C-alpha atoms as a PDB file:
ATOM      1  CA  MET A   1      27.201  18.729  -6.020  1.00  0.00           C
ATOM      2  CA  PRO A   2      28.529  15.091  -5.909  1.00  0.00           C
ATOM      3  CA  ARG A   3      28.247  12.695  -8.573  1.00  0.00           C
ATOM      4  CA  LEU A   4      25.586  10.412  -8.564  1.00  0.00           C
ATOM      5  CA  ARG A   5      26.776   6.876  -9.975  1.00  0.00           C
ATOM      6  CA  PRO A   6      26.684   5.762  -6.378  1.00  0.00           C
ATOM      7  CA  THR A   7      23.225   6.186  -6.241  1.00  0.00           C
ATOM      8  CA  LEU A   8      22.344   3.231  -9.038  1.00  0.00           C
ATOM      9  CA  VAL A   9      23.880   1.031  -7.186  1.00  0.00           C
ATOM     10  CA  LEU A  10      21.702   1.991  -3.503  1.00  0.00           C
ATOM     11  CA  LEU A  11      18.808   1.539  -6.151  1.00  0.00           C
ATOM     12  CA  ALA A  12      19.457  -1.803  -6.784  1.00  0.00           C
ATOM     13  CA  ALA A  13      20.493  -2.856  -3.248  1.00  0.00           C
ATOM     14  CA  LEU A  14      16.625  -0.802  -2.685  1.00  0.00           C
ATOM     15  CA  GLY A  15      14.828  -2.817  -5.769  1.00  0.00           C
ATOM     16  CA  ALA A  16      16.201  -6.293  -4.768  1.00  0.00           C
ATOM     17  CA  VAL A  17      15.174  -6.354  -1.237  1.00  0.00           C
ATOM     18  CA  VAL A  18      12.209  -5.109  -1.633  1.00  0.00           C
ATOM     19  CA  ALA A  19      11.342  -7.825  -4.436  1.00  0.00           C
ATOM     20  CA  ALA A  20      12.090  -9.748  -2.458  1.00  0.00           C
ATOM     21  CA  GLY A  21      10.381  -8.742   0.776  1.00  0.00           C
ATOM     22  CA  ALA A  22       7.157  -8.429  -1.929  1.00  0.00           C
ATOM     23  CA  ALA A  23       7.748 -11.960  -2.886  1.00  0.00           C
ATOM     24  CA  SER A  24       8.430 -14.089   0.046  1.00  0.00           C
ATOM     25  CA  ALA A  25       5.212 -12.065   2.151  1.00  0.00           C
ATOM     26  CA  ALA A  26       2.909 -12.800  -0.791  1.00  0.00           C
ATOM     27  CA  ALA A  27       0.052 -14.915   0.184  1.00  0.00           C
ATOM     28  CA  PRO A  28      -1.467 -17.963  -2.183  1.00  0.00           C
ATOM     29  CA  ALA A  29      -5.176 -16.431  -1.408  1.00  0.00           C
ATOM     30  CA  HIS A  30      -4.169 -13.582  -3.653  1.00  0.00           C
ATOM     31  CA  ALA A  31      -1.777 -15.504  -6.239  1.00  0.00           C
ATOM     32  CA  GLU A  32      -5.358 -17.561  -8.046  1.00  0.00           C
ATOM     33  CA  PRO A  33      -6.252 -16.164 -11.988  1.00  0.00           C
ATOM     34  CA  ALA A  34      -9.154 -14.215 -12.136  1.00  0.00           C
ATOM     35  CA  PRO A  35     -12.467 -15.294 -12.334  1.00  0.00           C
ATOM     36  CA  ALA A  36     -14.012 -16.892 -15.990  1.00  0.00           C
ATOM     37  CA  PRO A  37     -14.885 -13.406 -18.362  1.00  0.00           C
ATOM     38  CA  HIS A  38     -18.385 -15.754 -19.357  1.00  0.00           C
ATOM     39  CA  ALA A  39     -20.557 -18.311 -17.282  1.00  0.00           C
ATOM     40  CA  LYS A  40     -23.293 -20.096 -17.851  1.00  0.00           C
ATOM     41  CA  HIS A  41     -25.538 -18.096 -15.217  1.00  0.00           C
ATOM     42  CA  ALA A  42     -26.164 -14.346 -14.189  1.00  0.00           C
ATOM     43  CA  ASP A  43     -26.037 -15.344 -10.843  1.00  0.00           C
ATOM     44  CA  GLU A  44     -22.929 -17.563 -11.088  1.00  0.00           C
ATOM     45  CA  LYS A  45     -21.423 -14.302 -12.980  1.00  0.00           C
ATOM     46  CA  HIS A  46     -22.383 -11.705 -10.696  1.00  0.00           C
ATOM     47  CA  GLU A  47     -20.254 -14.462  -7.499  1.00  0.00           C
ATOM     48  CA  LYS A  48     -17.216 -14.482  -9.833  1.00  0.00           C
ATOM     49  CA  ALA A  49     -17.063 -10.872 -10.218  1.00  0.00           C
ATOM     50  CA  LYS A  50     -17.234 -10.017  -6.777  1.00  0.00           C
ATOM     51  CA  ILE A  51     -15.244  -6.811  -5.999  1.00  0.00           C
ATOM     52  CA  ASP A  52     -12.404  -7.189  -4.083  1.00  0.00           C
ATOM     53  CA  PRO A  53     -11.694  -3.769  -1.804  1.00  0.00           C
ATOM     54  CA  PHE A  54      -8.235  -4.614  -1.381  1.00  0.00           C
ATOM     55  CA  ALA A  55      -7.134  -5.838  -5.242  1.00  0.00           C
ATOM     56  CA  HIS A  56      -5.520  -2.699  -5.528  1.00  0.00           C
ATOM     57  CA  VAL A  57      -2.927  -2.705  -3.012  1.00  0.00           C
ATOM     58  CA  VAL A  58      -2.027  -6.403  -2.657  1.00  0.00           C
ATOM     59  CA  ASP A  59       0.106  -8.683  -4.952  1.00  0.00           C
ATOM     60  CA  SER A  60      -1.779 -10.897  -7.283  1.00  0.00           C
ATOM     61  CA  ASN A  61      -0.397 -12.723 -10.541  1.00  0.00           C
ATOM     62  CA  HIS A  62      -2.275 -10.791 -13.336  1.00  0.00           C
ATOM     63  CA  ILE A  63      -2.807  -7.099 -13.986  1.00  0.00           C
ATOM     64  CA  GLU A  64      -6.178  -5.913 -14.885  1.00  0.00           C
ATOM     65  CA  ILE A  65      -4.976  -3.110 -17.436  1.00  0.00           C
ATOM     66  CA  LEU A  66      -8.706  -2.864 -18.678  1.00  0.00           C
ATOM     67  CA  PRO A  67     -10.944  -5.417 -17.281  1.00  0.00           C
ATOM     68  CA  THR A  68     -14.068  -4.621 -19.067  1.00  0.00           C
ATOM     69  CA  ALA A  69     -11.892  -4.639 -22.372  1.00  0.00           C
ATOM     70  CA  GLY A  70     -10.704  -8.465 -21.342  1.00  0.00           C
ATOM     71  CA  ALA A  71      -7.165  -6.879 -20.914  1.00  0.00           C
ATOM     72  CA  VAL A  72      -5.456  -8.887 -18.301  1.00  0.00           C
ATOM     73  CA  ILE A  73      -2.646 -10.450 -17.772  1.00  0.00           C
ATOM     74  CA  GLU A  74      -2.219 -13.660 -16.609  1.00  0.00           C
ATOM     75  CA  ASP A  75      -0.052 -16.073 -14.507  1.00  0.00           C
ATOM     76  CA  LEU A  76       2.201 -13.482 -13.689  1.00  0.00           C
ATOM     77  CA  GLU A  77       4.033 -15.509 -10.943  1.00  0.00           C
ATOM     78  CA  TYR A  78       7.359 -17.611 -10.297  1.00  0.00           C
ATOM     79  CA  GLU A  79       6.671 -20.832  -8.064  1.00  0.00           C
ATOM     80  CA  GLY A  80       3.984 -19.891  -6.450  1.00  0.00           C
ATOM     81  CA  PHE A  81       4.648 -16.011  -5.732  1.00  0.00           C
ATOM     82  CA  PRO A  82       2.875 -13.530  -7.314  1.00  0.00           C
ATOM     83  CA  LEU A  83       4.679 -10.974  -9.607  1.00  0.00           C
ATOM     84  CA  LYS A  84       2.905  -7.698  -9.794  1.00  0.00           C
ATOM     85  CA  PHE A  85       4.899  -5.587  -7.732  1.00  0.00           C
ATOM     86  CA  ILE A  86       7.907  -7.031  -8.514  1.00  0.00           C
ATOM     87  CA  ILE A  87       7.355  -5.666 -12.064  1.00  0.00           C
ATOM     88  CA  LEU A  88       5.892  -2.200 -10.266  1.00  0.00           C
ATOM     89  CA  ILE A  89       8.773  -1.563  -8.336  1.00  0.00           C
ATOM     90  CA  THR A  90      11.147  -2.891 -11.196  1.00  0.00           C
ATOM     91  CA  VAL A  91       9.585  -0.073 -13.012  1.00  0.00           C
ATOM     92  CA  SER A  92       9.894   2.364 -10.654  1.00  0.00           C
ATOM     93  CA  ALA A  93      13.605   1.404  -9.831  1.00  0.00           C
ATOM     94  CA  LEU A  94      13.889   1.825 -13.806  1.00  0.00           C
ATOM     95  CA  VAL A  95      12.476   5.432 -14.335  1.00  0.00           C
ATOM     96  CA  VAL A  96      14.643   6.471 -11.168  1.00  0.00           C
ATOM     97  CA  ALA A  97      17.786   5.186 -12.523  1.00  0.00           C
ATOM     98  CA  ALA A  98      17.298   5.986 -15.886  1.00  0.00           C
ATOM     99  CA  ALA A  99      16.451  10.469 -14.710  1.00  0.00           C
ATOM    100  CA  MET A 100      19.339   9.903 -12.267  1.00  0.00           C
ATOM    101  CA  ILE A 101      21.539   8.627 -14.938  1.00  0.00           C
ATOM    102  CA  TYR A 102      20.653  11.779 -17.764  1.00  0.00           C
ATOM    103  CA  LEU A 103      20.518  14.129 -14.291  1.00  0.00           C
ATOM    104  CA  SER A 104      24.191  12.953 -14.360  1.00  0.00           C
ATOM    105  CA  GLU A 105      25.179  13.539 -17.673  1.00  0.00           C
ATOM    106  CA  MET A 106      23.097  16.794 -17.775  1.00  0.00           C
ATOM    107  CA  MET A 107      25.387  18.303 -14.869  1.00  0.00           C
ATOM    108  CA  ARG A 108      28.739  16.717 -15.899  1.00  0.00           C
ATOM    109  CA  ASP A 109      29.915  19.940 -17.333  1.00  0.00           C
ATOM    110  CA  GLY A 110      28.822  22.158 -14.797  1.00  0.00           C
ATOM    111  CA  ASP A 111      25.971  24.367 -17.571  1.00  0.00           C
ATOM    112  CA  PRO A 112      23.281  25.794 -16.193  1.00  0.00           C
ATOM    113  CA  PRO A 113      20.391  23.486 -15.868  1.00  0.00           C
ATOM    114  CA  THR A 114      17.626  24.439 -19.447  1.00  0.00           C
ATOM    115  CA  GLY A 115      14.737  22.523 -20.551  1.00  0.00           C
ATOM    116  CA  LYS A 116      11.784  21.660 -17.996  1.00  0.00           C
ATOM    117  CA  LEU A 117      13.063  18.165 -17.513  1.00  0.00           C
ATOM    118  CA  TRP A 118      16.372  18.822 -16.291  1.00  0.00           C
ATOM    119  CA  ASN A 119      14.753  21.631 -13.881  1.00  0.00           C
ATOM    120  CA  LEU A 120      12.450  19.779 -12.192  1.00  0.00           C
ATOM    121  CA  LEU A 121      14.912  16.788 -11.359  1.00  0.00           C
ATOM    122  CA  GLU A 122      17.428  19.634 -10.099  1.00  0.00           C
ATOM    123  CA  SER A 123      15.127  20.989  -8.563  1.00  0.00           C
ATOM    124  CA  LEU A 124      14.439  17.733  -6.782  1.00  0.00           C
ATOM    125  CA  LEU A 125      17.552  16.346  -5.519  1.00  0.00           C
ATOM    126  CA  PHE A 126      18.738  20.106  -4.199  1.00  0.00           C
ATOM    127  CA  PHE A 127      15.247  20.175  -2.314  1.00  0.00           C
ATOM    128  CA  ILE A 128      15.967  16.619  -1.080  1.00  0.00           C
ATOM    129  CA  ARG A 129      19.625  18.098  -0.398  1.00  0.00           C
ATOM    130  CA  ASP A 130      18.965  21.220   1.436  1.00  0.00           C
ATOM    131  CA  LYS A 131      15.640  19.984   3.360  1.00  0.00           C
ATOM    132  CA  ILE A 132      16.295  16.704   3.379  1.00  0.00           C
ATOM    133  CA  VAL A 133      20.041  15.117   4.366  1.00  0.00           C
ATOM    134  CA  ARG A 134      21.454  18.996   5.438  1.00  0.00           C
ATOM    135  CA  PRO A 135      18.719  19.374   8.126  1.00  0.00           C
ATOM    136  CA  GLY A 136      18.588  16.028   9.603  1.00  0.00           C
ATOM    137  CA  VAL A 137      22.245  13.977   8.997  1.00  0.00           C
ATOM    138  CA  GLY A 138      24.244  17.473   9.192  1.00  0.00           C
ATOM    139  CA  GLU A 139      26.220  19.878   7.017  1.00  0.00           C
ATOM    140  CA  HIS A 140      29.047  17.978   7.454  1.00  0.00           C
ATOM    141  CA  ASP A 141      28.469  14.756   6.563  1.00  0.00           C
ATOM    142  CA  ALA A 142      25.547  15.424   4.269  1.00  0.00           C
ATOM    143  CA  ASN A 143      27.255  14.623   0.415  1.00  0.00           C
ATOM    144  CA  ALA A 144      27.789  11.360   2.286  1.00  0.00           C
ATOM    145  CA  TYR A 145      24.583  10.110   2.202  1.00  0.00           C
ATOM    146  CA  LEU A 146      22.818  11.674  -0.146  1.00  0.00           C
ATOM    147  CA  PRO A 147      22.689   9.623  -2.746  1.00  0.00           C
ATOM    148  CA  TYR A 148      21.494   7.258  -0.466  1.00  0.00           C
ATOM    149  CA  LEU A 149      18.554   9.291   0.773  1.00  0.00           C
ATOM    150  CA  ALA A 150      17.384  10.929  -2.628  1.00  0.00           C
ATOM    151  CA  THR A 151      17.171   7.423  -4.047  1.00  0.00           C
ATOM    152  CA  LEU A 152      15.253   7.398  -0.937  1.00  0.00           C
ATOM    153  CA  PHE A 153      12.723   9.403  -1.712  1.00  0.00           C
ATOM    154  CA  LEU A 154      12.486   9.224  -5.620  1.00  0.00           C
ATOM    155  CA  PHE A 155      12.198   5.455  -4.958  1.00  0.00           C
ATOM    156  CA  ILE A 156       9.185   6.034  -2.585  1.00  0.00           C
ATOM    157  CA  PHE A 157       8.092   8.987  -4.350  1.00  0.00           C
ATOM    158  CA  ALA A 158       7.736   6.472  -7.871  1.00  0.00           C
ATOM    159  CA  MET A 159       6.009   3.901  -6.072  1.00  0.00           C
ATOM    160  CA  ASN A 160       3.576   6.175  -4.649  1.00  0.00           C
ATOM    161  CA  LEU A 161       3.015   7.595  -8.430  1.00  0.00           C
ATOM    162  CA  ILE A 162       2.473   3.743  -9.884  1.00  0.00           C
ATOM    163  CA  GLY A 163      -0.557   3.454  -7.223  1.00  0.00           C
ATOM    164  CA  MET A 164      -2.495   6.259  -8.588  1.00  0.00           C
ATOM    165  CA  VAL A 165      -2.459   4.577 -12.145  1.00  0.00           C
ATOM    166  CA  PRO A 166      -5.766   2.696 -12.216  1.00  0.00           C
ATOM    167  CA  PHE A 167      -6.200  -1.028 -12.595  1.00  0.00           C
ATOM    168  CA  LEU A 168      -2.342  -1.243 -11.772  1.00  0.00           C
ATOM    169  CA  GLY A 169      -1.545  -1.790  -8.121  1.00  0.00           C
ATOM    170  CA  SER A 170       0.030  -0.138  -4.989  1.00  0.00           C
ATOM    171  CA  PRO A 171       3.328  -1.255  -3.860  1.00  0.00           C
ATOM    172  CA  THR A 172       3.914   0.765  -1.060  1.00  0.00           C
ATOM    173  CA  ALA A 173       0.253   0.258   0.470  1.00  0.00           C
ATOM    174  CA  ALA A 174       2.034  -2.990   1.393  1.00  0.00           C
ATOM    175  CA  ILE A 175       3.502  -3.932   4.400  1.00  0.00           C
ATOM    176  CA  PRO A 176       6.557  -6.635   3.400  1.00  0.00           C
ATOM    177  CA  VAL A 177       7.294  -4.095   1.475  1.00  0.00           C
ATOM    178  CA  THR A 178       7.868  -0.692   3.347  1.00  0.00           C
ATOM    179  CA  ALA A 179       9.109  -3.514   5.911  1.00  0.00           C
ATOM    180  CA  ALA A 180      11.241  -4.372   3.206  1.00  0.00           C
ATOM    181  CA  LEU A 181      12.683  -0.481   2.853  1.00  0.00           C
ATOM    182  CA  ALA A 182      12.230   0.280   6.656  1.00  0.00           C
ATOM    183  CA  LEU A 183      14.740  -2.120   6.686  1.00  0.00           C
ATOM    184  CA  VAL A 184      16.991  -0.828   4.029  1.00  0.00           C
ATOM    185  CA  SER A 185      17.404   1.996   6.262  1.00  0.00           C
ATOM    186  CA  PHE A 186      17.854   0.127   9.890  1.00  0.00           C
ATOM    187  CA  LEU A 187      21.126  -1.263   8.535  1.00  0.00           C
ATOM    188  CA  VAL A 188      22.316   1.975   7.376  1.00  0.00           C
ATOM    189  CA  ILE A 189      21.516   4.302  10.135  1.00  0.00           C
ATOM    190  CA  HIS A 190      22.943   1.630  12.711  1.00  0.00           C
ATOM    191  CA  VAL A 191      25.906   0.727  10.483  1.00  0.00           C
ATOM    192  CA  SER A 192      26.931   4.738  10.295  1.00  0.00           C
ATOM    193  CA  GLY A 193      26.738   4.969  13.961  1.00  0.00           C
ATOM    194  CA  VAL A 194      29.338   2.041  14.851  1.00  0.00           C
ATOM    195  CA  ALA A 195      31.382   3.421  12.076  1.00  0.00           C
ATOM    196  CA  SER A 196      31.228   6.867  13.472  1.00  0.00           C
ATOM    197  CA  ASN A 197      31.218   5.942  17.015  1.00  0.00           C
ATOM    198  CA  GLY A 198      32.358   2.765  17.483  1.00  0.00           C
ATOM    199  CA  PHE A 199      30.518  -0.888  18.166  1.00  0.00           C
ATOM    200  CA  GLY A 200      31.258  -0.879  22.040  1.00  0.00           C
ATOM    201  CA  GLY A 201      30.861   3.506  21.592  1.00  0.00           C
ATOM    202  CA  TYR A 202      27.294   3.164  20.078  1.00  0.00           C
ATOM    203  CA  LEU A 203      26.299   0.498  22.215  1.00  0.00           C
ATOM    204  CA  LYS A 204      26.798   3.000  25.082  1.00  0.00           C
ATOM    205  CA  THR A 205      25.609   5.602  23.390  1.00  0.00           C
ATOM    206  CA  PHE A 206      21.806   4.449  24.041  1.00  0.00           C
ATOM    207  CA  ILE A 207      22.437   4.572  27.944  1.00  0.00           C
ATOM    208  CA  PRO A 208      21.457   7.317  29.967  1.00  0.00           C
ATOM    209  CA  HIS A 209      24.117   9.290  32.601  1.00  0.00           C
ATOM    210  CA  ILE A 210      21.611   9.307  35.586  1.00  0.00           C
ATOM    211  CA  GLU A 211      23.385  10.690  38.990  1.00  0.00           C
ATOM    212  CA  LEU A 212      21.288  11.144  42.062  1.00  0.00           C
ATOM    213  CA  GLU A 213      22.459  13.037  45.173  1.00  0.00           C
ATOM    214  CA  GLY A 214      22.219  11.053  48.206  1.00  0.00           C
ATOM    215  CA  GLY A 215      23.033   7.705  49.943  1.00  0.00           C
ATOM    216  CA  LEU A 216      22.730   4.451  48.820  1.00  0.00           C
ATOM    217  CA  PRO A 217      18.804   3.779  48.507  1.00  0.00           C
ATOM    218  CA  MET A 218      19.277   6.926  45.600  1.00  0.00           C
ATOM    219  CA  LYS A 219      22.403   5.416  44.176  1.00  0.00           C
ATOM    220  CA  LEU A 220      19.692   2.407  43.265  1.00  0.00           C
ATOM    221  CA  MET A 221      17.017   4.667  42.576  1.00  0.00           C
ATOM    222  CA  GLY A 222      19.529   5.987  39.765  1.00  0.00           C
ATOM    223  CA  PHE A 223      20.946   2.932  38.940  1.00  0.00           C
ATOM    224  CA  ALA A 224      17.103   1.060  37.776  1.00  0.00           C
ATOM    225  CA  ILE A 225      15.798   4.245  36.576  1.00  0.00           C
ATOM    226  CA  MET A 226      19.246   4.032  33.982  1.00  0.00           C
ATOM    227  CA  PHE A 227      18.661   0.426  33.879  1.00  0.00           C
ATOM    228  CA  GLY A 228      14.825   0.667  32.541  1.00  0.00           C
ATOM    229  CA  MET A 229      15.936   3.549  30.109  1.00  0.00           C
ATOM    230  CA  ALA A 230      18.007   1.773  28.675  1.00  0.00           C
ATOM    231  CA  ILE A 231      15.526  -0.646  27.628  1.00  0.00           C
ATOM    232  CA  LEU A 232      13.504   1.954  26.367  1.00  0.00           C
ATOM    233  CA  GLU A 233      16.542   3.529  24.399  1.00  0.00           C
ATOM    234  CA  TYR A 234      17.417   0.217  23.302  1.00  0.00           C
ATOM    235  CA  ALA A 235      13.602  -1.364  21.774  1.00  0.00           C
ATOM    236  CA  THR A 236      13.390   2.712  20.379  1.00  0.00           C
ATOM    237  CA  ALA A 237      16.489   1.655  17.952  1.00  0.00           C
ATOM    238  CA  PHE A 238      13.906  -1.103  16.486  1.00  0.00           C
ATOM    239  CA  ILE A 239      10.477   0.347  17.099  1.00  0.00           C
ATOM    240  CA  ARG A 240      11.304   3.981  15.037  1.00  0.00           C
ATOM    241  CA  VAL A 241      12.036   1.225  12.567  1.00  0.00           C
ATOM    242  CA  GLY A 242       8.570  -0.218  12.780  1.00  0.00           C
ATOM    243  CA  VAL A 243       7.082   3.217  13.054  1.00  0.00           C
ATOM    244  CA  LEU A 244       8.456   3.798   9.161  1.00  0.00           C
ATOM    245  CA  ALA A 245       7.065   1.234   7.804  1.00  0.00           C
ATOM    246  CA  VAL A 246       3.663   0.763   8.636  1.00  0.00           C
ATOM    247  CA  ARG A 247       3.011   5.155   8.582  1.00  0.00           C
ATOM    248  CA  LEU A 248       3.973   4.886   5.041  1.00  0.00           C
ATOM    249  CA  PHE A 249       2.294   1.467   4.830  1.00  0.00           C
ATOM    250  CA  ALA A 250      -0.856   2.955   6.336  1.00  0.00           C
ATOM    251  CA  ASN A 251      -0.940   5.589   4.634  1.00  0.00           C
ATOM    252  CA  MET A 252      -1.114   4.307   1.275  1.00  0.00           C
ATOM    253  CA  LEU A 253      -3.298   1.832   2.419  1.00  0.00           C
ATOM    254  CA  ALA A 254      -6.057   4.238   3.952  1.00  0.00           C
ATOM    255  CA  GLY A 255      -6.249   6.664   1.521  1.00  0.00           C
ATOM    256  CA  HIS A 256      -6.305   3.863  -1.838  1.00  0.00           C
ATOM    257  CA  THR A 257      -9.566   1.862   0.271  1.00  0.00           C
ATOM    258  CA  VAL A 258     -11.339   5.151   0.675  1.00  0.00           C
ATOM    259  CA  LEU A 259     -10.988   6.170  -2.965  1.00  0.00           C
ATOM    260  CA  PHE A 260     -12.531   2.804  -3.619  1.00  0.00           C
ATOM    261  CA  MET A 261     -15.056   2.429  -1.358  1.00  0.00           C
ATOM    262  CA  ILE A 262     -16.555   6.110  -2.515  1.00  0.00           C
ATOM    263  CA  LEU A 263     -16.180   4.807  -6.151  1.00  0.00           C
ATOM    264  CA  PHE A 264     -17.492   1.581  -5.024  1.00  0.00           C
ATOM    265  CA  PHE A 265     -21.567   3.500  -4.318  1.00  0.00           C
ATOM    266  CA  ILE A 266     -21.976   3.327  -7.823  1.00  0.00           C
ATOM    267  CA  ALA A 267     -21.682  -0.430  -7.832  1.00  0.00           C
ATOM    268  CA  LEU A 268     -24.230  -0.041  -4.764  1.00  0.00           C
ATOM    269  CA  VAL A 269     -26.660   1.830  -6.986  1.00  0.00           C
ATOM    270  CA  SER A 270     -26.070  -0.016 -10.393  1.00  0.00           C
ATOM    271  CA  ASP A 271     -23.820  -3.509 -10.532  1.00  0.00           C
ATOM    272  CA  PRO A 272     -26.766  -6.543  -9.820  1.00  0.00           C
ATOM    273  CA  ALA A 273     -24.320  -8.503  -7.056  1.00  0.00           C
ATOM    274  CA  TYR A 274     -24.412  -4.891  -5.046  1.00  0.00           C
ATOM    275  CA  GLN A 275     -27.370  -2.926  -5.846  1.00  0.00           C
ATOM    276  CA  VAL A 276     -29.158  -1.975  -2.913  1.00  0.00           C
ATOM    277  CA  PRO A 277     -33.271  -2.675  -3.127  1.00  0.00           C
ATOM    278  CA  PHE A 278     -34.022   1.432  -2.752  1.00  0.00           C
ATOM    279  CA  ALA A 279     -31.664   1.557  -6.625  1.00  0.00           C
ATOM    280  CA  LYS A 280     -33.112  -1.533  -7.918  1.00  0.00           C
ATOM    281  CA  GLU A 281     -36.652   0.063  -7.526  1.00  0.00           C
ATOM    282  CA  ASN A 282     -35.521   3.744  -8.368  1.00  0.00           C
ATOM    283  CA  PRO A 283     -33.069   3.840 -11.284  1.00  0.00           C
ATOM    284  CA  TRP A 284     -32.753   7.671 -11.339  1.00  0.00           C
ATOM    285  CA  VAL A 285     -30.872   6.716  -8.115  1.00  0.00           C
ATOM    286  CA  PHE A 286     -27.510   5.998 -10.326  1.00  0.00           C
ATOM    287  CA  TRP A 287     -27.607   9.672 -11.981  1.00  0.00           C
ATOM    288  CA  GLY A 288     -27.669  11.009  -8.758  1.00  0.00           C
ATOM    289  CA  VAL A 289     -24.557   9.061  -7.223  1.00  0.00           C
ATOM    290  CA  MET A 290     -22.250   8.557 -10.530  1.00  0.00           C
ATOM    291  CA  PRO A 291     -22.033  12.244 -10.779  1.00  0.00           C
ATOM    292  CA  PHE A 292     -20.885  13.007  -7.233  1.00  0.00           C
ATOM    293  CA  SER A 293     -19.014  10.008  -7.254  1.00  0.00           C
ATOM    294  CA  VAL A 294     -16.586  10.475  -9.651  1.00  0.00           C
ATOM    295  CA  ALA A 295     -16.126  14.489  -9.127  1.00  0.00           C
ATOM    296  CA  LEU A 296     -15.331  13.168  -4.852  1.00  0.00           C
ATOM    297  CA  VAL A 297     -12.857  10.591  -6.415  1.00  0.00           C
ATOM    298  CA  THR A 298     -11.250  13.304  -8.877  1.00  0.00           C
ATOM    299  CA  ALA A 299     -10.671  15.703  -6.308  1.00  0.00           C
ATOM    300  CA  LEU A 300      -9.125  12.988  -3.101  1.00  0.00           C
ATOM    301  CA  SER A 301      -6.886  11.779  -6.504  1.00  0.00           C
ATOM    302  CA  LEU A 302      -5.827  15.459  -6.152  1.00  0.00           C
ATOM    303  CA  LEU A 303      -5.000  14.704  -2.821  1.00  0.00           C
ATOM    304  CA  GLU A 304      -3.493  11.657  -2.893  1.00  0.00           C
ATOM    305  CA  LEU A 305      -0.921  13.091  -5.530  1.00  0.00           C
ATOM    306  CA  PHE A 306       0.358  15.225  -2.589  1.00  0.00           C
ATOM    307  CA  ILE A 307       0.246  12.540  -0.157  1.00  0.00           C
ATOM    308  CA  ALA A 308       2.165  10.214  -2.414  1.00  0.00           C
ATOM    309  CA  GLY A 309       5.666  13.031  -2.209  1.00  0.00           C
ATOM    310  CA  LEU A 310       4.123  13.525   1.552  1.00  0.00           C
ATOM    311  CA  GLN A 311       4.546  10.507   2.646  1.00  0.00           C
ATOM    312  CA  ALA A 312       8.091   9.994   0.753  1.00  0.00           C
ATOM    313  CA  PHE A 313       9.436  13.388   2.046  1.00  0.00           C
ATOM    314  CA  ILE A 314       8.302  12.228   5.885  1.00  0.00           C
ATOM    315  CA  PHE A 315       9.870   8.900   5.113  1.00  0.00           C
ATOM    316  CA  THR A 316      13.341  10.406   4.117  1.00  0.00           C
ATOM    317  CA  PHE A 317      13.325  12.823   6.049  1.00  0.00           C
ATOM    318  CA  LEU A 318      13.580  10.568   9.558  1.00  0.00           C
ATOM    319  CA  THR A 319      15.632   8.278   7.967  1.00  0.00           C
ATOM    320  CA  ALA A 320      18.351  11.214   7.426  1.00  0.00           C
ATOM    321  CA  VAL A 321      17.319  12.189  11.581  1.00  0.00           C
ATOM    322  CA  PHE A 322      17.948   9.061  12.694  1.00  0.00           C
ATOM    323  CA  ILE A 323      21.120   8.423  10.773  1.00  0.00           C
ATOM    324  CA  GLY A 324      22.234  12.367  12.334  1.00  0.00           C
ATOM    325  CA  LEU A 325      20.975  10.689  15.869  1.00  0.00           C
ATOM    326  CA  ALA A 326      23.119   8.091  15.424  1.00  0.00           C
ATOM    327  CA  LYS A 327      26.175   9.301  14.702  1.00  0.00           C
ATOM    328  CA  HIS A 328      26.196  12.397  16.824  1.00  0.00           C
ATOM    329  CA  PRO A 329      24.480  10.861  19.613  1.00  0.00           C
ATOM    330  CA  PRO A 330      22.614  13.351  22.477  1.00  0.00           C
ATOM    331  CA  HIS A 331      25.120  14.392  24.727  1.00  0.00           C
END
C-alpha cells in the first residue's frame, strides 16, 4: 500500500478549486438575508415565509440549523459572495483529511487493523484501489493515481453525505461545484495523456486510422470520414468532462428536490400560505398526509444514502477510466 501523504496536497487543491467555483458562480439573489421572523400582519408573515424548493441546493449567506427555534447563522458572505457552500466544502475536506491522516498513522507500522474506524477506512481504501483504480487505470499505474482518486471519491462522498443533514445544504447539487470537480479531473486526465504520449503523440491519438481500398474517390471518402471522426473525438474530450459534472449535479439535485416535494405535501394541508381548500375544510386530512410523507421521506433518505456513495463511485470510476484511455489509447 503506497503512502497516503500526497492525498493531503491533492485534497487541498480540490477544496480550493471547488470553493472558488462555488463562490464565483453564486447568484446575488440567493445572498439576501433571511426574512424577518416577526411581521405585523399574518398575510405579510406568510408572504415572507414562502418556501423555496431549491433552498437546500443553492448557495446563500445564512445557515438555518433549526429555523423554527430561531437558530440561524446570518451574514455569511465575503464582498457579496455567499459562503455557506464554501463552509460546507471546507468541513468535508477537513473530515477527509483527518480520516486520511489517522489512517496513514495507523498503517505506518504495518500492523493488522483493529477497531471499527480503522477497519472501515482501510476497507474503503482497498475498495477504491481494487474496484476503481486498478480496473480503470491499470495495474501498472494504479499506485501512482490512488492518492488522487481516493481523495476524489472520499471528498465527493463526504459532500454528498453532508447534504443529507437537514437545514444545511448540498454542495454537489450545485453545478459550479461539480463543474470545478470535473475541471480538476479534466486536467489530470489530459496531463496524464500528454506525459505518457508526448503532446503531439497525444493529439494524434484522437485521429482514427481509416484506409479504404479503391481509387481516388474512396480515398477522399476515407479522409472525410477520418476528419469527421477526429472532430468528434476532440469534442468528446470536453464532452466527457461535462457529463461528469452534469451527472453528479443532476442526480443529487433530483434526489433532494423529490424529498422536498414529498415533505411539501404537509405544507399543502397545514400551512395557511399553501393550504388547499379541501384541507382547510377537513382538518383531519393533515393526520392522513403527515405520517405518509414522513415515512416516505425516511425510506427515500435511506436510498439517498446509497446514491451518495454510488454517485461518488461513478464519478471516480469514470475519471479512472478516462485516465487509462488517455495514457493507453486504443490502437
